Amino acid sequence: MIATAKGFFDGQQIVLDPPVRLEAGQEVVIAYTVATSAKSVETKSNIVDSLIGAIPNTGKTLDDYRSERLEKYADNG
């Protein structure tokens, strides 16, 4: 049987919500994710900031780009 539960690590043990009753010797498989910290968000922001200017500004509006794409991919039958 496969069941899922969500929880958190309190520094000493994993706390599941809802609580799961396990028996000694019972096999478990744990998959986990690491919550995003403020530091990693800051790093991502720095990466995005480094890309500014990588694509030259042609002065076109979003509507101009949209029209260009619609013309390019229009079905000319």
N, C-alpha and C. Protein backbone atom coordinates (compact mmCIF):
# COMPACT_ATOMS: atom_id res chain seq x y z
N MET A 1 0.84 -1.18 0.00
CA MET A 1 0.00 0.00 0.00
C MET A 1 0.88 1.24 0.00
N ILE A 2 0.51 2.21 -0.80
CA ILE A 2 1.22 3.48 -0.81
C ILE A 2 0.29 4.55 -0.26
N ALA A 3 0.80 5.31 0.69
CA ALA A 3 0.04 6.41 1.27
C ALA A 3 0.94 7.63 1.31
N THR A 4 0.37 8.82 1.35
CA THR A 4 1.17 10.03 1.42
C THR A 4 0.76 10.86 2.64
N ALA A 5 1.70 11.61 3.15
CA ALA A 5 1.45 12.52 4.26
C ALA A 5 2.41 13.69 4.11
N LYS A 6 1.99 14.84 4.53
CA LYS A 6 2.83 16.04 4.46
C LYS A 6 3.22 16.41 5.89
N GLY A 7 4.39 16.96 6.04
CA GLY A 7 4.83 17.33 7.37
C GLY A 7 6.02 18.26 7.33
N PHE A 8 6.73 18.33 8.44
CA PHE A 8 7.91 19.20 8.54
C PHE A 8 8.90 18.58 9.51
N PHE A 9 10.13 19.05 9.41
CA PHE A 9 11.20 18.59 10.30
C PHE A 9 11.35 19.62 11.40
N ASP A 10 11.19 19.21 12.65
CA ASP A 10 11.25 20.16 13.76
C ASP A 10 12.64 20.32 14.35
N GLY A 11 13.64 19.80 13.68
CA GLY A 11 15.01 19.88 14.17
C GLY A 11 15.50 18.56 14.74
N GLN A 12 14.56 17.70 15.12
CA GLN A 12 14.93 16.40 15.67
C GLN A 12 14.19 15.25 15.01
N GLN A 13 12.97 15.50 14.56
CA GLN A 13 12.17 14.43 13.98
C GLN A 13 11.25 15.00 12.91
N ILE A 14 10.72 14.11 12.08
CA ILE A 14 9.76 14.51 11.06
C ILE A 14 8.38 14.43 11.69
N VAL A 15 7.64 15.52 11.61
CA VAL A 15 6.28 15.60 12.16
C VAL A 15 5.31 15.58 10.99
N LEU A 16 4.46 14.56 10.93
CA LEU A 16 3.53 14.41 9.83
C LEU A 16 2.14 14.90 10.21
N ASP A 17 1.45 15.46 9.24
CA ASP A 17 0.08 15.93 9.45
C ASP A 17 -0.78 15.38 8.34
N PRO A 18 -1.67 14.48 8.56
CA PRO A 18 -2.06 13.92 9.86
C PRO A 18 -1.01 12.94 10.37
N PRO A 19 -0.99 12.72 11.68
CA PRO A 19 -0.02 11.77 12.25
C PRO A 19 -0.18 10.38 11.63
N VAL A 20 0.92 9.68 11.47
CA VAL A 20 0.91 8.34 10.89
C VAL A 20 1.39 7.36 11.95
N ARG A 21 0.63 6.30 12.17
CA ARG A 21 1.01 5.30 13.16
C ARG A 21 1.83 4.22 12.46
N LEU A 22 3.07 4.08 12.86
CA LEU A 22 3.97 3.09 12.26
C LEU A 22 4.30 2.02 13.30
N GLU A 23 4.60 0.83 12.80
CA GLU A 23 5.01 -0.27 13.67
C GLU A 23 6.50 -0.53 13.46
N ALA A 24 7.16 -1.04 14.50
CA ALA A 24 8.58 -1.35 14.42
C ALA A 24 8.84 -2.31 13.26
N GLY A 25 9.83 -1.99 12.45
CA GLY A 25 10.19 -2.84 11.32
C GLY A 25 9.41 -2.54 10.05
N GLN A 26 8.43 -1.67 10.13
CA GLN A 26 7.64 -1.33 8.95
C GLN A 26 8.50 -0.51 7.99
N GLU A 27 8.48 -0.87 6.71
CA GLU A 27 9.27 -0.18 5.70
C GLU A 27 8.57 1.12 5.27
N VAL A 28 9.34 2.18 5.14
CA VAL A 28 8.81 3.46 4.68
C VAL A 28 9.72 4.01 3.59
N VAL A 29 9.16 4.80 2.71
CA VAL A 29 9.92 5.51 1.67
C VAL A 29 9.62 6.99 1.87
N ILE A 30 10.65 7.80 1.90
CA ILE A 30 10.47 9.23 2.14
C ILE A 30 11.00 10.01 0.94
N ALA A 31 10.16 10.88 0.40
CA ALA A 31 10.58 11.84 -0.63
C ALA A 31 10.39 13.21 0.00
N TYR A 32 11.31 14.12 -0.21
CA TYR A 32 11.18 15.41 0.45
C TYR A 32 11.52 16.55 -0.50
N THR A 33 11.03 17.73 -0.17
CA THR A 33 11.39 18.95 -0.87
C THR A 33 11.96 19.91 0.14
N VAL A 34 12.81 20.78 -0.30
CA VAL A 34 13.39 21.79 0.56
C VAL A 34 12.71 23.11 0.24
N ALA A 35 12.10 23.72 1.23
CA ALA A 35 11.41 24.99 1.02
C ALA A 35 12.41 26.06 0.61
N THR A 36 11.96 26.96 -0.22
CA THR A 36 12.81 28.04 -0.71
C THR A 36 13.09 29.02 0.42
N SER A 37 14.34 29.31 0.63
CA SER A 37 14.72 30.29 1.64
C SER A 37 14.87 31.66 1.00
N ALA A 38 14.91 32.68 1.80
CA ALA A 38 15.06 34.05 1.30
C ALA A 38 16.38 34.18 0.53
N LYS A 39 17.43 33.47 0.95
CA LYS A 39 18.72 33.56 0.29
C LYS A 39 18.64 33.05 -1.15
N SER A 40 17.95 31.91 -1.37
CA SER A 40 17.87 31.39 -2.73
C SER A 40 17.00 32.27 -3.61
N VAL A 41 15.98 32.92 -3.04
CA VAL A 41 15.16 33.85 -3.80
C VAL A 41 16.01 35.03 -4.23
N GLU A 42 16.87 35.50 -3.34
CA GLU A 42 17.76 36.61 -3.65
C GLU A 42 18.71 36.22 -4.78
N THR A 43 19.23 35.00 -4.75
CA THR A 43 20.14 34.52 -5.79
C THR A 43 19.43 34.49 -7.13
N LYS A 44 18.18 33.99 -7.16
CA LYS A 44 17.42 33.95 -8.40
C LYS A 44 17.22 35.36 -8.94
N SER A 45 16.95 36.30 -8.05
CA SER A 45 16.77 37.69 -8.46
C SER A 45 18.04 38.22 -9.10
N ASN A 46 19.20 37.89 -8.53
CA ASN A 46 20.47 38.34 -9.08
C ASN A 46 20.70 37.76 -10.47
N ILE A 47 20.28 36.52 -10.68
CA ILE A 47 20.43 35.88 -11.99
C ILE A 47 19.58 36.62 -13.01
N VAL A 48 18.33 36.91 -12.66
CA VAL A 48 17.44 37.63 -13.57
C VAL A 48 18.01 39.01 -13.87
N ASP A 49 18.49 39.70 -12.84
CA ASP A 49 19.08 41.02 -13.04
C ASP A 49 20.27 40.97 -14.00
N SER A 50 21.03 39.88 -13.97
CA SER A 50 22.20 39.77 -14.85
C SER A 50 21.80 39.60 -16.31
N LEU A 51 20.55 39.18 -16.56
CA LEU A 51 20.09 38.99 -17.93
C LEU A 51 19.57 40.28 -18.57
N ILE A 52 19.30 41.28 -17.75
CA ILE A 52 18.78 42.54 -18.29
C ILE A 52 19.80 43.11 -19.26
N GLY A 53 19.34 43.41 -20.46
CA GLY A 53 20.21 43.94 -21.50
C GLY A 53 20.79 42.87 -22.40
N ALA A 54 20.59 41.60 -22.04
CA ALA A 54 21.11 40.51 -22.88
C ALA A 54 20.35 40.45 -24.20
N ILE A 55 19.08 40.83 -24.18
CA ILE A 55 18.28 40.89 -25.40
C ILE A 55 18.12 42.37 -25.73
N PRO A 56 18.58 42.80 -26.88
CA PRO A 56 18.54 44.23 -27.19
C PRO A 56 17.11 44.77 -27.25
N ASN A 57 16.93 45.97 -26.77
CA ASN A 57 15.64 46.64 -26.80
C ASN A 57 15.45 47.24 -28.19
N THR A 58 14.45 46.74 -28.92
CA THR A 58 14.19 47.24 -30.27
C THR A 58 13.17 48.37 -30.27
N GLY A 59 12.62 48.69 -29.10
CA GLY A 59 11.65 49.77 -29.01
C GLY A 59 10.24 49.36 -29.40
N LYS A 60 10.03 48.08 -29.69
CA LYS A 60 8.71 47.60 -30.07
C LYS A 60 7.85 47.38 -28.83
N THR A 61 6.54 47.55 -29.01
CA THR A 61 5.61 47.27 -27.93
C THR A 61 5.25 45.79 -27.98
N LEU A 62 4.60 45.32 -26.93
CA LEU A 62 4.15 43.93 -26.91
C LEU A 62 3.16 43.68 -28.04
N ASP A 63 2.32 44.66 -28.34
CA ASP A 63 1.37 44.51 -29.45
C ASP A 63 2.10 44.34 -30.79
N ASP A 64 3.21 45.08 -30.96
CA ASP A 64 4.01 44.94 -32.18
C ASP A 64 4.56 43.52 -32.32
N TYR A 65 5.11 43.00 -31.22
CA TYR A 65 5.64 41.63 -31.24
C TYR A 65 4.53 40.63 -31.51
N ARG A 66 3.37 40.83 -30.90
CA ARG A 66 2.24 39.92 -31.10
C ARG A 66 1.81 39.92 -32.57
N SER A 67 1.66 41.09 -33.14
CA SER A 67 1.27 41.19 -34.55
C SER A 67 2.28 40.50 -35.46
N GLU A 68 3.54 40.70 -35.14
CA GLU A 68 4.63 40.08 -35.91
C GLU A 68 4.51 38.55 -35.87
N ARG A 69 4.27 38.00 -34.68
CA ARG A 69 4.14 36.54 -34.52
C ARG A 69 2.90 36.04 -35.23
N LEU A 70 1.78 36.76 -35.12
CA LEU A 70 0.55 36.32 -35.78
C LEU A 70 0.74 36.26 -37.30
N GLU A 71 1.43 37.24 -37.84
CA GLU A 71 1.69 37.26 -39.29
C GLU A 71 2.62 36.10 -39.67
N LYS A 72 3.65 35.88 -38.88
CA LYS A 72 4.64 34.85 -39.19
C LYS A 72 4.01 33.45 -39.20
N TYR A 73 3.12 33.19 -38.24
CA TYR A 73 2.57 31.85 -38.12
C TYR A 73 1.17 31.72 -38.67
N ALA A 74 0.69 32.73 -39.39
CA ALA A 74 -0.65 32.66 -39.97
C ALA A 74 -0.68 31.59 -41.06
N ASP A 75 -1.82 30.94 -41.19
CA ASP A 75 -2.00 29.92 -42.22
C ASP A 75 -2.32 30.63 -43.53
N ASN A 76 -1.35 30.65 -44.42
CA ASN A 76 -1.53 31.35 -45.71
C ASN A 76 -2.18 30.46 -46.75
N GLY A 77 -2.69 29.31 -46.35
CA GLY A 77 -3.44 28.37 -47.17
C GLY A 77 -2.84 28.09 -48.46
